[in-house]
Structures are given as C-alpha cells and as structure tokens.
Amino acid sequence: MDERRRDIAYFVSFCIEQYKNAKGLTGEEAMTVLEKYGLLDYLQRHFDVLHTQGHRWLLTEMDEFIDKRKQEAKEVKG
C-alpha cells in the first residue's frame, strides 16, 4: 500500500471512530450508517480537504452530509 492510500485509510478509520464515539454506536452500527449514506466514499474522495480539519468540524460535516442524503431520499420517495 502506498503512503497516500495508507494516509486515507488512517483518516477514514479516524472518522469512523470519532463518529462511533460521538453517537454512542458500536463499530458495526457506525459502519452501517456511514456505508448506507455513502459517507465512506465521500471521506476518501475528499481526503485532501477534509483531513486538514479538526474532529469537531469533521463530525459536523458528517452529520450535514447524512442529513442531506436523508433529505434527498425523502424527496425521491415523495
């Protein structure tokens, strides 16, 4: 694994742990939520910008991303 891919993997792992702890979830529950809304892919694709931010900002960004996806899903259904 090259250095960049390793850095991205560490960053995504950090985000999963932060989300899990902030929401009081198990690792499995956190992964289910993050995968359901495409957040893992988002974190990887936007690593260059996101990894420079603090954990509180990242949690806010993650919550906003999930809220947006939930809203989009409601609009498609209704």
Protein backbone atom coordinates (compact mmCIF):
# COMPACT_ATOMS: atom_id res chain seq x y z
CA MET A 1 0.00 0.00 0.00
CA ASP A 2 1.47 3.34 -0.98
CA GLU A 3 1.75 6.18 1.52
CA ARG A 4 -1.22 8.16 0.20
CA ARG A 5 -3.57 5.18 0.34
CA ARG A 6 -2.36 4.43 3.87
CA ASP A 7 -2.98 8.04 4.92
CA ILE A 8 -6.51 7.91 3.52
CA ALA A 9 -7.18 4.60 5.29
CA TYR A 10 -5.97 6.05 8.60
CA PHE A 11 -8.10 9.15 8.09
CA VAL A 12 -11.26 7.17 7.32
CA SER A 13 -10.60 4.96 10.36
CA PHE A 14 -10.22 8.08 12.49
CA CYS A 15 -13.53 9.44 11.18
CA ILE A 16 -15.31 6.16 11.88
CA GLU A 17 -14.02 6.13 15.45
CA GLN A 18 -14.96 9.76 16.02
CA TYR A 19 -18.47 9.19 14.65
CA LYS A 20 -18.91 5.98 16.64
CA ASN A 21 -17.88 7.63 19.89
CA ALA A 22 -19.89 10.81 19.31
CA LYS A 23 -23.08 8.86 18.56
CA GLY A 24 -22.60 6.10 21.15
CA LEU A 25 -22.61 3.39 18.49
CA THR A 26 -20.74 0.14 18.08
CA GLY A 27 -18.23 -0.04 15.26
CA GLU A 28 -20.64 -2.18 13.26
CA GLU A 29 -23.51 0.27 13.75
CA ALA A 30 -21.33 3.20 12.72
CA MET A 31 -20.15 1.39 9.60
CA THR A 32 -23.74 0.55 8.66
CA VAL A 33 -24.77 4.22 8.85
CA LEU A 34 -21.70 5.52 7.05
CA GLU A 35 -21.99 2.96 4.26
CA LYS A 36 -25.75 3.48 3.90
CA TYR A 37 -25.33 7.17 3.13
CA GLY A 38 -22.13 6.90 1.06
CA LEU A 39 -20.05 8.77 3.60
CA LEU A 40 -17.05 6.44 3.43
CA ASP A 41 -16.65 7.12 -0.27
CA TYR A 42 -17.08 10.86 0.34
CA LEU A 43 -14.37 10.85 3.02
CA GLN A 44 -11.96 9.06 0.69
CA ARG A 45 -12.69 11.24 -2.35
CA HIS A 46 -12.31 14.49 -0.40
CA PHE A 47 -9.43 13.44 1.83
CA ASP A 48 -7.19 16.29 0.65
CA VAL A 49 -9.51 18.92 2.09
CA LEU A 50 -11.15 17.04 4.93
CA HIS A 51 -8.05 15.71 6.66
CA THR A 52 -6.91 19.25 7.41
CA GLN A 53 -9.95 19.90 9.62
CA GLY A 54 -10.46 19.27 13.33
CA HIS A 55 -12.56 16.43 14.67
CA ARG A 56 -15.49 18.66 15.72
CA TRP A 57 -15.69 20.19 12.26
CA LEU A 58 -15.50 16.71 10.71
CA LEU A 59 -18.36 15.45 12.86
CA THR A 60 -20.48 18.43 11.86
CA GLU A 61 -19.61 17.83 8.20
CA MET A 62 -20.50 14.15 8.52
CA ASP A 63 -23.84 14.95 10.18
CA GLU A 64 -24.68 17.50 7.49
CA PHE A 65 -23.76 15.05 4.74
CA ILE A 66 -26.02 12.36 6.25
CA ASP A 67 -28.87 14.85 6.76
CA LYS A 68 -28.58 15.92 3.13
CA ARG A 69 -28.70 12.32 1.93
CA LYS A 70 -31.73 11.62 4.12
CA GLN A 71 -33.49 14.67 2.66
CA GLU A 72 -32.65 13.58 -0.88
CA ALA A 73 -34.09 10.13 -0.15
CA LYS A 74 -37.33 11.69 1.16
CA GLU A 75 -37.65 13.82 -1.97
CA VAL A 76 -37.25 10.80 -4.22
CA LYS A 77 -39.90 8.87 -2.29
CA GLY A 78 -42.41 11.61 -2.02
